[in-house]
Amino acid sequence: MLPDQPLPQPRRAPPVTRQTVPIGRWRPPPPGGQVAGIEPGCRCEVIDLPSHHTHFVAEPMTADILPLPPTMPRLPPLQRAPLPAPGPWAALGWIALYFVMQAVGSGVIALALGVVTGELHSWQGLLHSGRIIQALMRQPGMQALLVMLTLGLAAVLILLLVRRRWATLWSLARPPGLGFNRPAQTWFLLLAVAVGLSAPMLGGWLTHLLAQGQTVTQDIQQLGANTPLAWRIPLAMMVVSLGPLVEELLFRGLLLSALLQRWRTGVAVALSSLIFALVHLPGLQWQWFALPDLLLLALALAWLRLRSASIWPGVVAHGANNLLAMAAWFVAVHPPH
């Protein structure tokens, strides 16, 4: 029997080094390493063993260390959904707002003119502001200035508000679009000039036939009797350009498009034309026999809007109609000798 000898002590293995590596940041193992099968959604642990081999141990991944993609896609900015097309009542509301703005604005601007000219120079003068404003409006050119400022302010505000509210419908050709685009054919603009100049002649003949000798008067004629030449030119330019633009937007843009969503084309055109004529009756001192002229003009403007797929021919025709009325007014006030 061999003498007792101490048993050899086992060699102690060096400590194992663990390192947690997220999947999204994993790099290939060093040469000689071995990779265990890792399923998606697991966490990897790199274990450095004394044999210089690398083993991967997969265990379920916790929610706070989910792998992220290398680059996150940039999300597009949130955009507001476009507003639906206006309905008939909304279109009528905008038309009413336009004329209310003129009524209220004329009073405010008249008071401002009284202060600027020195007619209203104290708070006590406000108690008699009505009489003072009437005396101020009798001065040459003051009434024309009031009309230009009131019409310009109301028209610009309506154009800006409608453009901002229905920006997606502004340049669409067909209803419910508002038609602020080029016409389908350029010759529609030439046709619009002819329509604008011929419609008042035919409508005037019908009005004269129904009036049976009565004189048809307009507010513009009374305005021109006390307006000097220096004020007539800018007044005529505004009546020919800005006035037709905002009225075509309201009647052949908003109102006609809204009516076409509920009724057939003929009914929508007839209703919008009738409303256009009735709205203009106060300017003709409620003379009912002037309705055929207004109806004929409105029907022609609606036809141009639908056939040309643009609102601009209607604006041109409306401006030509107003230009002819202004020329007749100028000749009536100062007839040639």
C-alpha atoms as a PDB file:
ATOM      1  CA  MET A   1       0.000   0.000   0.000  1.00  0.00           C
ATOM      2  CA  LEU A   2       1.236   3.372  -0.941  1.00  0.00           C
ATOM      3  CA  PRO A   3       1.748   5.825   1.796  1.00  0.00           C
ATOM      4  CA  ASP A   4      -0.884   8.364   2.295  1.00  0.00           C
ATOM      5  CA  GLN A   5      -0.348  11.348   0.121  1.00  0.00           C
ATOM      6  CA  PRO A   6      -2.395  14.524   0.093  1.00  0.00           C
ATOM      7  CA  LEU A   7      -4.878  14.673  -2.711  1.00  0.00           C
ATOM      8  CA  PRO A   8      -4.191  17.392  -5.263  1.00  0.00           C
ATOM      9  CA  GLN A   9      -6.355  20.433  -4.806  1.00  0.00           C
ATOM     10  CA  PRO A  10      -8.600  21.208  -7.792  1.00  0.00           C
ATOM     11  CA  ARG A  11      -7.686  24.277  -9.762  1.00  0.00           C
ATOM     12  CA  ARG A  12     -10.018  27.108  -9.116  1.00  0.00           C
ATOM     13  CA  ALA A  13     -11.499  28.508 -12.289  1.00  0.00           C
ATOM     14  CA  PRO A  14     -11.158  32.230 -12.853  1.00  0.00           C
ATOM     15  CA  PRO A  15     -14.297  34.238 -12.251  1.00  0.00           C
ATOM     16  CA  VAL A  16     -16.799  34.477 -15.006  1.00  0.00           C
ATOM     17  CA  THR A  17     -17.351  37.958 -16.462  1.00  0.00           C
ATOM     18  CA  ARG A  18     -20.918  38.816 -17.497  1.00  0.00           C
ATOM     19  CA  GLN A  19     -21.889  41.715 -19.689  1.00  0.00           C
ATOM     20  CA  THR A  20     -25.447  42.556 -20.740  1.00  0.00           C
ATOM     21  CA  VAL A  21     -25.709  43.653 -24.360  1.00  0.00           C
ATOM     22  CA  PRO A  22     -29.057  44.885 -25.830  1.00  0.00           C
ATOM     23  CA  ILE A  23     -29.961  43.216 -29.063  1.00  0.00           C
ATOM     24  CA  GLY A  24     -30.116  46.504 -30.888  1.00  0.00           C
ATOM     25  CA  ARG A  25     -26.462  47.194 -29.988  1.00  0.00           C
ATOM     26  CA  TRP A  26     -25.081  43.646 -30.373  1.00  0.00           C
ATOM     27  CA  ARG A  27     -21.752  43.262 -32.148  1.00  0.00           C
ATOM     28  CA  PRO A  28     -20.355  40.048 -33.607  1.00  0.00           C
ATOM     29  CA  PRO A  29     -18.364  37.911 -31.136  1.00  0.00           C
ATOM     30  CA  PRO A  30     -14.588  37.828 -31.275  1.00  0.00           C
ATOM     31  CA  PRO A  31     -12.911  35.119 -33.304  1.00  0.00           C
ATOM     32  CA  GLY A  32     -13.511  31.730 -31.862  1.00  0.00           C
ATOM     33  CA  GLY A  33     -16.702  32.716 -30.107  1.00  0.00           C
ATOM     34  CA  GLN A  34     -19.830  30.637 -30.195  1.00  0.00           C
ATOM     35  CA  VAL A  35     -23.314  32.129 -30.607  1.00  0.00           C
ATOM     36  CA  ALA A  36     -26.305  30.398 -29.097  1.00  0.00           C
ATOM     37  CA  GLY A  37     -29.701  30.661 -30.769  1.00  0.00           C
ATOM     38  CA  ILE A  38     -31.408  33.832 -29.618  1.00  0.00           C
ATOM     39  CA  GLU A  39     -35.046  34.496 -30.229  1.00  0.00           C
ATOM     40  CA  PRO A  40     -36.392  37.991 -30.894  1.00  0.00           C
ATOM     41  CA  GLY A  41     -37.494  39.838 -27.769  1.00  0.00           C
ATOM     42  CA  CYS A  42     -34.696  38.403 -25.582  1.00  0.00           C
ATOM     43  CA  ARG A  43     -31.719  39.924 -23.814  1.00  0.00           C
ATOM     44  CA  CYS A  44     -28.216  38.730 -24.487  1.00  0.00           C
ATOM     45  CA  GLU A  45     -25.514  38.141 -21.858  1.00  0.00           C
ATOM     46  CA  VAL A  46     -21.921  37.770 -22.958  1.00  0.00           C
ATOM     47  CA  ILE A  47     -19.987  35.361 -20.704  1.00  0.00           C
ATOM     48  CA  ASP A  48     -16.228  35.419 -20.937  1.00  0.00           C
ATOM     49  CA  LEU A  49     -14.900  31.995 -19.906  1.00  0.00           C
ATOM     50  CA  PRO A  50     -11.314  31.060 -19.227  1.00  0.00           C
ATOM     51  CA  SER A  51     -11.122  29.169 -22.462  1.00  0.00           C
ATOM     52  CA  HIS A  52     -11.499  32.495 -24.229  1.00  0.00           C
ATOM     53  CA  HIS A  53     -14.743  31.312 -25.844  1.00  0.00           C
ATOM     54  CA  THR A  54     -17.739  33.597 -25.789  1.00  0.00           C
ATOM     55  CA  HIS A  55     -21.145  32.141 -25.017  1.00  0.00           C
ATOM     56  CA  PHE A  56     -24.475  33.957 -25.347  1.00  0.00           C
ATOM     57  CA  VAL A  57     -27.237  33.244 -22.907  1.00  0.00           C
ATOM     58  CA  ALA A  58     -30.738  34.365 -23.883  1.00  0.00           C
ATOM     59  CA  GLU A  59     -33.331  35.203 -21.309  1.00  0.00           C
ATOM     60  CA  PRO A  60     -36.640  37.098 -21.536  1.00  0.00           C
ATOM     61  CA  MET A  61     -36.213  40.804 -21.982  1.00  0.00           C
ATOM     62  CA  THR A  62     -37.857  43.194 -19.585  1.00  0.00           C
ATOM     63  CA  ALA A  63     -40.046  46.032 -20.826  1.00  0.00           C
ATOM     64  CA  ASP A  64     -37.560  48.770 -19.952  1.00  0.00           C
ATOM     65  CA  ILE A  65     -34.808  47.554 -22.276  1.00  0.00           C
ATOM     66  CA  LEU A  66     -36.691  47.038 -25.532  1.00  0.00           C
ATOM     67  CA  PRO A  67     -34.364  47.397 -28.532  1.00  0.00           C
ATOM     68  CA  LEU A  68     -34.732  50.600 -30.557  1.00  0.00           C
ATOM     69  CA  PRO A  69     -34.230  50.848 -34.295  1.00  0.00           C
ATOM     70  CA  PRO A  70     -31.020  52.538 -35.406  1.00  0.00           C
ATOM     71  CA  THR A  71     -32.876  55.596 -36.710  1.00  0.00           C
ATOM     72  CA  MET A  72     -36.402  56.607 -35.774  1.00  0.00           C
ATOM     73  CA  PRO A  73     -38.516  57.726 -38.769  1.00  0.00           C
ATOM     74  CA  ARG A  74     -39.581  61.360 -38.589  1.00  0.00           C
ATOM     75  CA  LEU A  75     -43.352  61.597 -38.329  1.00  0.00           C
ATOM     76  CA  PRO A  76     -45.109  64.166 -40.542  1.00  0.00           C
ATOM     77  CA  PRO A  77     -46.572  67.182 -38.715  1.00  0.00           C
ATOM     78  CA  LEU A  78     -50.177  66.968 -37.706  1.00  0.00           C
ATOM     79  CA  GLN A  79     -52.518  68.843 -40.038  1.00  0.00           C
ATOM     80  CA  ARG A  80     -55.998  70.093 -39.354  1.00  0.00           C
ATOM     81  CA  ALA A  81     -58.737  68.368 -41.276  1.00  0.00           C
ATOM     82  CA  PRO A  82     -60.229  70.658 -43.949  1.00  0.00           C
ATOM     83  CA  LEU A  83     -63.558  72.206 -43.077  1.00  0.00           C
ATOM     84  CA  PRO A  84     -66.570  70.913 -44.997  1.00  0.00           C
ATOM     85  CA  ALA A  85     -68.097  73.040 -47.720  1.00  0.00           C
ATOM     86  CA  PRO A  86     -70.497  75.698 -46.442  1.00  0.00           C
ATOM     87  CA  GLY A  87     -74.202  74.913 -46.439  1.00  0.00           C
ATOM     88  CA  PRO A  88     -76.995  77.243 -47.616  1.00  0.00           C
ATOM     89  CA  TRP A  89     -77.544  78.777 -44.192  1.00  0.00           C
ATOM     90  CA  ALA A  90     -73.844  79.374 -43.704  1.00  0.00           C
ATOM     91  CA  ALA A  91     -73.633  81.060 -47.112  1.00  0.00           C
ATOM     92  CA  LEU A  92     -76.609  83.282 -46.274  1.00  0.00           C
ATOM     93  CA  GLY A  93     -74.942  84.114 -42.974  1.00  0.00           C
ATOM     94  CA  TRP A  94     -71.816  85.336 -44.754  1.00  0.00           C
ATOM     95  CA  ILE A  95     -73.921  87.476 -47.102  1.00  0.00           C
ATOM     96  CA  ALA A  96     -75.747  88.984 -44.115  1.00  0.00           C
ATOM     97  CA  LEU A  97     -72.431  89.575 -42.362  1.00  0.00           C
ATOM     98  CA  TYR A  98     -71.132  91.518 -45.362  1.00  0.00           C
ATOM     99  CA  PHE A  99     -74.059  93.951 -45.370  1.00  0.00           C
ATOM    100  CA  VAL A 100     -74.111  94.233 -41.571  1.00  0.00           C
ATOM    101  CA  MET A 101     -70.441  95.144 -41.668  1.00  0.00           C
ATOM    102  CA  GLN A 102     -71.243  97.893 -44.155  1.00  0.00           C
ATOM    103  CA  ALA A 103     -74.076  99.245 -41.993  1.00  0.00           C
ATOM    104  CA  VAL A 104     -72.097  99.205 -38.760  1.00  0.00           C
ATOM    105  CA  GLY A 105     -68.876 100.284 -40.414  1.00  0.00           C
ATOM    106  CA  SER A 106     -70.485 103.314 -42.045  1.00  0.00           C
ATOM    107  CA  GLY A 107     -71.578 104.630 -38.640  1.00  0.00           C
ATOM    108  CA  VAL A 108     -68.186 104.069 -37.044  1.00  0.00           C
ATOM    109  CA  ILE A 109     -66.315 105.573 -39.984  1.00  0.00           C
ATOM    110  CA  ALA A 110     -68.691 108.568 -40.061  1.00  0.00           C
ATOM    111  CA  LEU A 111     -67.907 109.259 -36.401  1.00  0.00           C
ATOM    112  CA  ALA A 112     -64.208 108.912 -37.129  1.00  0.00           C
ATOM    113  CA  LEU A 113     -64.496 111.387 -40.009  1.00  0.00           C
ATOM    114  CA  GLY A 114     -66.304 113.798 -37.708  1.00  0.00           C
ATOM    115  CA  VAL A 115     -63.450 113.619 -35.207  1.00  0.00           C
ATOM    116  CA  VAL A 116     -60.748 113.959 -37.885  1.00  0.00           C
ATOM    117  CA  THR A 117     -62.414 116.977 -39.524  1.00  0.00           C
ATOM    118  CA  GLY A 118     -63.003 118.621 -36.153  1.00  0.00           C
ATOM    119  CA  GLU A 119     -66.789 118.553 -36.317  1.00  0.00           C
ATOM    120  CA  LEU A 120     -66.887 116.312 -33.232  1.00  0.00           C
ATOM    121  CA  HIS A 121     -64.406 117.901 -30.867  1.00  0.00           C
ATOM    122  CA  SER A 122     -65.900 117.058 -27.470  1.00  0.00           C
ATOM    123  CA  TRP A 123     -67.908 114.399 -25.671  1.00  0.00           C
ATOM    124  CA  GLN A 124     -70.879 116.751 -25.609  1.00  0.00           C
ATOM    125  CA  GLY A 125     -70.828 116.719 -29.384  1.00  0.00           C
ATOM    126  CA  LEU A 126     -71.660 113.002 -29.360  1.00  0.00           C
ATOM    127  CA  LEU A 127     -75.125 113.844 -28.025  1.00  0.00           C
ATOM    128  CA  HIS A 128     -75.816 115.679 -31.276  1.00  0.00           C
ATOM    129  CA  SER A 129     -73.713 113.416 -33.461  1.00  0.00           C
ATOM    130  CA  GLY A 130     -76.596 112.543 -35.777  1.00  0.00           C
ATOM    131  CA  ARG A 131     -77.200 116.131 -36.795  1.00  0.00           C
ATOM    132  CA  ILE A 132     -73.477 116.834 -37.065  1.00  0.00           C
ATOM    133  CA  ILE A 133     -72.848 113.771 -39.242  1.00  0.00           C
ATOM    134  CA  GLN A 134     -75.715 114.702 -41.572  1.00  0.00           C
ATOM    135  CA  ALA A 135     -74.238 118.179 -42.008  1.00  0.00           C
ATOM    136  CA  LEU A 136     -70.818 116.621 -42.606  1.00  0.00           C
ATOM    137  CA  MET A 137     -72.158 114.274 -45.313  1.00  0.00           C
ATOM    138  CA  ARG A 138     -73.603 117.242 -47.203  1.00  0.00           C
ATOM    139  CA  GLN A 139     -70.130 118.550 -47.825  1.00  0.00           C
ATOM    140  CA  PRO A 140     -68.754 117.790 -51.312  1.00  0.00           C
ATOM    141  CA  GLY A 141     -67.075 114.412 -51.539  1.00  0.00           C
ATOM    142  CA  MET A 142     -67.656 113.325 -47.951  1.00  0.00           C
ATOM    143  CA  GLN A 143     -70.419 110.867 -48.776  1.00  0.00           C
ATOM    144  CA  ALA A 144     -68.327 109.300 -51.552  1.00  0.00           C
ATOM    145  CA  LEU A 145     -65.392 108.998 -49.161  1.00  0.00           C
ATOM    146  CA  LEU A 146     -67.622 107.283 -46.615  1.00  0.00           C
ATOM    147  CA  VAL A 147     -68.873 104.793 -49.231  1.00  0.00           C
ATOM    148  CA  MET A 148     -65.352 103.973 -50.405  1.00  0.00           C
ATOM    149  CA  LEU A 149     -64.014 103.420 -46.895  1.00  0.00           C
ATOM    150  CA  THR A 150     -67.019 101.345 -45.822  1.00  0.00           C
ATOM    151  CA  LEU A 151     -67.112  99.190 -48.949  1.00  0.00           C
ATOM    152  CA  GLY A 152     -63.355  98.710 -48.957  1.00  0.00           C
ATOM    153  CA  LEU A 153     -63.169  97.671 -45.310  1.00  0.00           C
ATOM    154  CA  ALA A 154     -66.102  95.242 -45.490  1.00  0.00           C
ATOM    155  CA  ALA A 155     -64.986  93.692 -48.787  1.00  0.00           C
ATOM    156  CA  VAL A 156     -61.373  93.156 -47.734  1.00  0.00           C
ATOM    157  CA  LEU A 157     -62.394  91.583 -44.416  1.00  0.00           C
ATOM    158  CA  ILE A 158     -64.852  89.191 -46.093  1.00  0.00           C
ATOM    159  CA  LEU A 159     -62.275  88.144 -48.686  1.00  0.00           C
ATOM    160  CA  LEU A 160     -59.621  87.470 -46.054  1.00  0.00           C
ATOM    161  CA  LEU A 161     -61.943  85.607 -43.703  1.00  0.00           C
ATOM    162  CA  VAL A 162     -63.404  83.350 -46.397  1.00  0.00           C
ATOM    163  CA  ARG A 163     -59.954  82.700 -47.866  1.00  0.00           C
ATOM    164  CA  ARG A 164     -58.645  81.648 -44.458  1.00  0.00           C
ATOM    165  CA  ARG A 165     -61.658  79.519 -43.515  1.00  0.00           C
ATOM    166  CA  TRP A 166     -61.970  77.569 -46.787  1.00  0.00           C
ATOM    167  CA  ALA A 167     -58.422  77.645 -48.105  1.00  0.00           C
ATOM    168  CA  THR A 168     -58.784  74.161 -49.621  1.00  0.00           C
ATOM    169  CA  LEU A 169     -61.856  75.231 -51.609  1.00  0.00           C
ATOM    170  CA  TRP A 170     -60.499  78.577 -52.748  1.00  0.00           C
ATOM    171  CA  SER A 171     -58.867  77.478 -56.006  1.00  0.00           C
ATOM    172  CA  LEU A 172     -61.061  74.473 -56.861  1.00  0.00           C
ATOM    173  CA  ALA A 173     -62.739  74.943 -60.211  1.00  0.00           C
ATOM    174  CA  ARG A 174     -66.025  73.116 -59.763  1.00  0.00           C
ATOM    175  CA  PRO A 175     -68.473  73.532 -56.872  1.00  0.00           C
ATOM    176  CA  PRO A 176     -68.138  73.184 -53.942  1.00  0.00           C
ATOM    177  CA  GLY A 177     -64.928  74.970 -54.905  1.00  0.00           C
ATOM    178  CA  LEU A 178     -64.978  78.761 -54.971  1.00  0.00           C
ATOM    179  CA  GLY A 179     -63.462  78.997 -58.448  1.00  0.00           C
ATOM    180  CA  PHE A 180     -60.478  81.305 -57.937  1.00  0.00           C
ATOM    181  CA  ASN A 181     -58.564  79.740 -60.804  1.00  0.00           C
ATOM    182  CA  ARG A 182     -58.041  80.382 -64.492  1.00  0.00           C
ATOM    183  CA  PRO A 183     -61.123  79.790 -66.661  1.00  0.00           C
ATOM    184  CA  ALA A 184     -61.361  76.677 -68.792  1.00  0.00           C
ATOM    185  CA  GLN A 185     -61.024  78.790 -71.954  1.00  0.00           C
ATOM    186  CA  THR A 186     -59.586  82.291 -72.285  1.00  0.00           C
ATOM    187  CA  TRP A 187     -62.392  83.428 -74.563  1.00  0.00           C
ATOM    188  CA  PHE A 188     -64.778  83.253 -71.610  1.00  0.00           C
ATOM    189  CA  LEU A 189     -63.243  86.545 -70.430  1.00  0.00           C
ATOM    190  CA  LEU A 190     -64.123  88.213 -73.738  1.00  0.00           C
ATOM    191  CA  LEU A 191     -67.588  86.725 -73.567  1.00  0.00           C
ATOM    192  CA  ALA A 192     -67.921  88.083 -70.040  1.00  0.00           C
ATOM    193  CA  VAL A 193     -67.302  91.640 -71.282  1.00  0.00           C
ATOM    194  CA  ALA A 194     -69.996  91.215 -73.916  1.00  0.00           C
ATOM    195  CA  VAL A 195     -72.428  89.784 -71.356  1.00  0.00           C
ATOM    196  CA  GLY A 196     -71.714  92.566 -68.891  1.00  0.00           C
ATOM    197  CA  LEU A 197     -72.413  95.253 -71.475  1.00  0.00           C
ATOM    198  CA  SER A 198     -75.464  93.665 -73.116  1.00  0.00           C
ATOM    199  CA  ALA A 199     -77.335  92.413 -70.055  1.00  0.00           C
ATOM    200  CA  PRO A 200     -78.057  95.924 -68.694  1.00  0.00           C
ATOM    201  CA  MET A 201     -79.445  97.011 -72.066  1.00  0.00           C
ATOM    202  CA  LEU A 202     -81.906  94.139 -72.252  1.00  0.00           C
ATOM    203  CA  GLY A 203     -82.694  94.365 -68.547  1.00  0.00           C
ATOM    204  CA  GLY A 204     -83.156  98.126 -68.775  1.00  0.00           C
ATOM    205  CA  TRP A 205     -85.644  97.661 -71.620  1.00  0.00           C
ATOM    206  CA  LEU A 206     -87.655  95.188 -69.511  1.00  0.00           C
ATOM    207  CA  THR A 207     -87.518  97.527 -66.515  1.00  0.00           C
ATOM    208  CA  HIS A 208     -88.731 100.464 -68.594  1.00  0.00           C
ATOM    209  CA  LEU A 209     -91.547  98.320 -69.967  1.00  0.00           C
ATOM    210  CA  LEU A 210     -92.717  97.322 -66.493  1.00  0.00           C
ATOM    211  CA  ALA A 211     -92.211 100.748 -64.943  1.00  0.00           C
ATOM    212  CA  GLN A 212     -94.806 102.311 -67.295  1.00  0.00           C
ATOM    213  CA  GLY A 213     -93.229 105.721 -67.288  1.00  0.00           C
ATOM    214  CA  GLN A 214     -91.990 105.745 -63.694  1.00  0.00           C
ATOM    215  CA  THR A 215     -88.437 106.914 -63.123  1.00  0.00           C
ATOM    216  CA  VAL A 216     -86.011 104.276 -61.899  1.00  0.00           C
ATOM    217  CA  THR A 217     -83.631 105.866 -59.412  1.00  0.00           C
ATOM    218  CA  GLN A 218     -80.627 104.420 -57.635  1.00  0.00           C
ATOM    219  CA  ASP A 219     -78.667 105.459 -54.593  1.00  0.00           C
ATOM    220  CA  ILE A 220     -75.599 105.832 -56.789  1.00  0.00           C
ATOM    221  CA  GLN A 221     -77.303 108.602 -58.743  1.00  0.00           C
ATOM    222  CA  GLN A 222     -78.065 110.565 -55.594  1.00  0.00           C
ATOM    223  CA  LEU A 223     -74.490 109.970 -54.452  1.00  0.00           C
ATOM    224  CA  GLY A 224     -73.063 111.359 -57.680  1.00  0.00           C
ATOM    225  CA  ALA A 225     -75.025 114.594 -57.521  1.00  0.00           C
ATOM    226  CA  ASN A 226     -72.797 115.821 -54.670  1.00  0.00           C
ATOM    227  CA  THR A 227     -69.491 114.169 -55.617  1.00  0.00           C
ATOM    228  CA  PRO A 228     -66.710 116.201 -57.253  1.00  0.00           C
ATOM    229  CA  LEU A 229     -64.730 114.765 -60.135  1.00  0.00           C
ATOM    230  CA  ALA A 230     -61.675 114.032 -57.977  1.00  0.00           C
ATOM    231  CA  TRP A 231     -63.733 111.576 -55.904  1.00  0.00           C
ATOM    232  CA  ARG A 232     -65.657 109.971 -58.772  1.00  0.00           C
ATOM    233  CA  ILE A 233     -62.658 108.255 -60.315  1.00  0.00           C
ATOM    234  CA  PRO A 234     -61.608 106.256 -57.201  1.00  0.00           C
ATOM    235  CA  LEU A 235     -65.264 105.591 -56.408  1.00  0.00           C
ATOM    236  CA  ALA A 236     -65.849 104.212 -59.915  1.00  0.00           C
ATOM    237  CA  MET A 237     -62.717 102.045 -59.688  1.00  0.00           C
ATOM    238  CA  MET A 238     -63.908 100.501 -56.434  1.00  0.00           C
ATOM    239  CA  VAL A 239     -67.450  99.917 -57.724  1.00  0.00           C
ATOM    240  CA  VAL A 240     -66.061  98.265 -60.867  1.00  0.00           C
ATOM    241  CA  SER A 241     -63.400  96.052 -59.218  1.00  0.00           C
ATOM    242  CA  LEU A 242     -63.688  95.369 -55.478  1.00  0.00           C
ATOM    243  CA  GLY A 243     -67.492  95.375 -55.305  1.00  0.00           C
ATOM    244  CA  PRO A 244     -67.977  92.753 -58.054  1.00  0.00           C
ATOM    245  CA  LEU A 245     -65.189  90.596 -56.621  1.00  0.00           C
ATOM    246  CA  VAL A 246     -66.690  90.224 -53.151  1.00  0.00           C
ATOM    247  CA  GLU A 247     -70.258  89.836 -54.462  1.00  0.00           C
ATOM    248  CA  GLU A 248     -69.241  87.094 -56.877  1.00  0.00           C
ATOM    249  CA  LEU A 249     -67.488  85.310 -54.021  1.00  0.00           C
ATOM    250  CA  LEU A 250     -70.624  85.482 -51.870  1.00  0.00           C
ATOM    251  CA  PHE A 251     -73.336  84.740 -54.439  1.00  0.00           C
ATOM    252  CA  ARG A 252     -71.665  82.639 -57.157  1.00  0.00           C
ATOM    253  CA  GLY A 253     -68.978  81.209 -54.880  1.00  0.00           C
ATOM    254  CA  LEU A 254     -70.461  80.394 -51.479  1.00  0.00           C
ATOM    255  CA  LEU A 255     -74.214  80.515 -52.099  1.00  0.00           C
ATOM    256  CA  LEU A 256     -74.395  78.811 -55.503  1.00  0.00           C
ATOM    257  CA  SER A 257     -71.987  76.066 -54.418  1.00  0.00           C
ATOM    258  CA  ALA A 258     -74.007  75.456 -51.252  1.00  0.00           C
ATOM    259  CA  LEU A 259     -77.313  75.248 -53.135  1.00  0.00           C
ATOM    260  CA  LEU A 260     -75.844  72.861 -55.709  1.00  0.00           C
ATOM    261  CA  GLN A 261     -75.157  70.353 -52.922  1.00  0.00           C
ATOM    262  CA  ARG A 262     -78.898  69.998 -52.217  1.00  0.00           C
ATOM    263  CA  TRP A 263     -80.767  70.860 -55.399  1.00  0.00           C
ATOM    264  CA  ARG A 264     -80.411  70.462 -59.104  1.00  0.00           C
ATOM    265  CA  THR A 265     -78.509  73.005 -61.156  1.00  0.00           C
ATOM    266  CA  GLY A 266     -81.584  74.858 -62.437  1.00  0.00           C
ATOM    267  CA  VAL A 267     -83.104  75.234 -58.974  1.00  0.00           C
ATOM    268  CA  ALA A 268     -79.798  76.318 -57.430  1.00  0.00           C
ATOM    269  CA  VAL A 269     -79.176  78.928 -60.130  1.00  0.00           C
ATOM    270  CA  ALA A 270     -82.730  80.296 -59.856  1.00  0.00           C
ATOM    271  CA  LEU A 271     -82.614  80.561 -56.053  1.00  0.00           C
ATOM    272  CA  SER A 272     -79.195  82.221 -55.962  1.00  0.00           C
ATOM    273  CA  SER A 273     -80.248  84.694 -58.671  1.00  0.00           C
ATOM    274  CA  LEU A 274     -83.468  85.573 -56.856  1.00  0.00           C
ATOM    275  CA  ILE A 275     -81.603  86.177 -53.595  1.00  0.00           C
ATOM    276  CA  PHE A 276     -79.088  88.348 -55.454  1.00  0.00           C
ATOM    277  CA  ALA A 277     -81.895  90.464 -56.921  1.00  0.00           C
ATOM    278  CA  LEU A 278     -83.745  90.845 -53.615  1.00  0.00           C
ATOM    279  CA  VAL A 279     -80.592  91.876 -51.773  1.00  0.00           C
ATOM    280  CA  HIS A 280     -80.030  94.711 -54.282  1.00  0.00           C
ATOM    281  CA  LEU A 281     -83.576  96.046 -54.139  1.00  0.00           C
ATOM    282  CA  PRO A 282     -82.877  98.468 -51.234  1.00  0.00           C
ATOM    283  CA  GLY A 283     -80.302 100.209 -53.424  1.00  0.00           C
ATOM    284  CA  LEU A 284     -83.080 100.718 -55.984  1.00  0.00           C
ATOM    285  CA  GLN A 285     -85.455 102.090 -53.333  1.00  0.00           C
ATOM    286  CA  TRP A 286     -87.518  98.870 -53.400  1.00  0.00           C
ATOM    287  CA  GLN A 287     -88.787  99.449 -56.938  1.00  0.00           C
ATOM    288  CA  TRP A 288     -90.074  95.994 -57.823  1.00  0.00           C
ATOM    289  CA  PHE A 289     -90.014  96.608 -61.571  1.00  0.00           C
ATOM    290  CA  ALA A 290     -86.192  96.677 -61.379  1.00  0.00           C
ATOM    291  CA  LEU A 291     -86.157  92.947 -60.537  1.00  0.00           C
ATOM    292  CA  PRO A 292     -85.980  91.688 -64.180  1.00  0.00           C
ATOM    293  CA  ASP A 293     -82.768  93.588 -64.781  1.00  0.00           C
ATOM    294  CA  LEU A 294     -81.168  92.150 -61.642  1.00  0.00           C
ATOM    295  CA  LEU A 295     -82.454  88.634 -62.317  1.00  0.00           C
ATOM    296  CA  LEU A 296     -81.172  88.633 -65.880  1.00  0.00           C
ATOM    297  CA  LEU A 297     -77.744  89.779 -64.753  1.00  0.00           C
ATOM    298  CA  ALA A 298     -77.599  87.162 -61.979  1.00  0.00           C
ATOM    299  CA  LEU A 299     -78.596  84.340 -64.346  1.00  0.00           C
ATOM    300  CA  ALA A 300     -75.897  85.356 -66.807  1.00  0.00           C
ATOM    301  CA  LEU A 301     -73.280  85.495 -64.067  1.00  0.00           C
ATOM    302  CA  ALA A 302     -74.252  82.052 -62.767  1.00  0.00           C
ATOM    303  CA  TRP A 303     -74.036  80.622 -66.289  1.00  0.00           C
ATOM    304  CA  LEU A 304     -70.542  82.047 -66.703  1.00  0.00           C
ATOM    305  CA  ARG A 305     -69.478  80.604 -63.364  1.00  0.00           C
ATOM    306  CA  LEU A 306     -70.583  77.073 -64.209  1.00  0.00           C
ATOM    307  CA  ARG A 307     -69.540  76.948 -67.860  1.00  0.00           C
ATOM    308  CA  SER A 308     -66.105  78.528 -67.414  1.00  0.00           C
ATOM    309  CA  ALA A 309     -65.301  76.619 -64.182  1.00  0.00           C
ATOM    310  CA  SER A 310     -63.970  79.868 -62.764  1.00  0.00           C
ATOM    311  CA  ILE A 311     -65.293  82.864 -60.886  1.00  0.00           C
ATOM    312  CA  TRP A 312     -63.235  85.407 -62.848  1.00  0.00           C
ATOM    313  CA  PRO A 313     -65.505  85.679 -65.925  1.00  0.00           C
ATOM    314  CA  GLY A 314     -68.383  86.535 -63.581  1.00  0.00           C
ATOM    315  CA  VAL A 315     -66.233  89.194 -61.907  1.00  0.00           C
ATOM    316  CA  VAL A 316     -65.376  90.696 -65.304  1.00  0.00           C
ATOM    317  CA  ALA A 317     -69.013  90.683 -66.450  1.00  0.00           C
ATOM    318  CA  HIS A 318     -70.197  92.161 -63.147  1.00  0.00           C
ATOM    319  CA  GLY A 319     -67.548  94.868 -63.387  1.00  0.00           C
ATOM    320  CA  ALA A 320     -68.519  95.692 -66.972  1.00  0.00           C
ATOM    321  CA  ASN A 321     -72.156  95.989 -65.894  1.00  0.00           C
ATOM    322  CA  ASN A 322     -71.217  98.384 -63.083  1.00  0.00           C
ATOM    323  CA  LEU A 323     -68.967 100.347 -65.430  1.00  0.00           C
ATOM    324  CA  LEU A 324     -71.854 100.897 -67.818  1.00  0.00           C
ATOM    325  CA  ALA A 325     -74.060 102.011 -64.913  1.00  0.00           C
ATOM    326  CA  MET A 326     -71.355 104.412 -63.725  1.00  0.00           C
ATOM    327  CA  ALA A 327     -71.005 105.870 -67.212  1.00  0.00           C
ATOM    328  CA  ALA A 328     -74.759 106.399 -67.437  1.00  0.00           C
ATOM    329  CA  TRP A 329     -74.705 108.000 -63.980  1.00  0.00           C
ATOM    330  CA  PHE A 330     -71.877 110.332 -64.998  1.00  0.00           C
ATOM    331  CA  VAL A 331     -73.726 111.437 -68.140  1.00  0.00           C
ATOM    332  CA  ALA A 332     -76.966 111.918 -66.177  1.00  0.00           C
ATOM    333  CA  VAL A 333     -75.260 114.139 -63.610  1.00  0.00           C
ATOM    334  CA  HIS A 334     -73.335 116.179 -66.172  1.00  0.00           C
ATOM    335  CA  PRO A 335     -75.133 115.853 -69.511  1.00  0.00           C
ATOM    336  CA  PRO A 336     -73.180 116.956 -72.595  1.00  0.00           C
ATOM    337  CA  HIS A 337     -74.005 120.429 -73.869  1.00  0.00           C
END
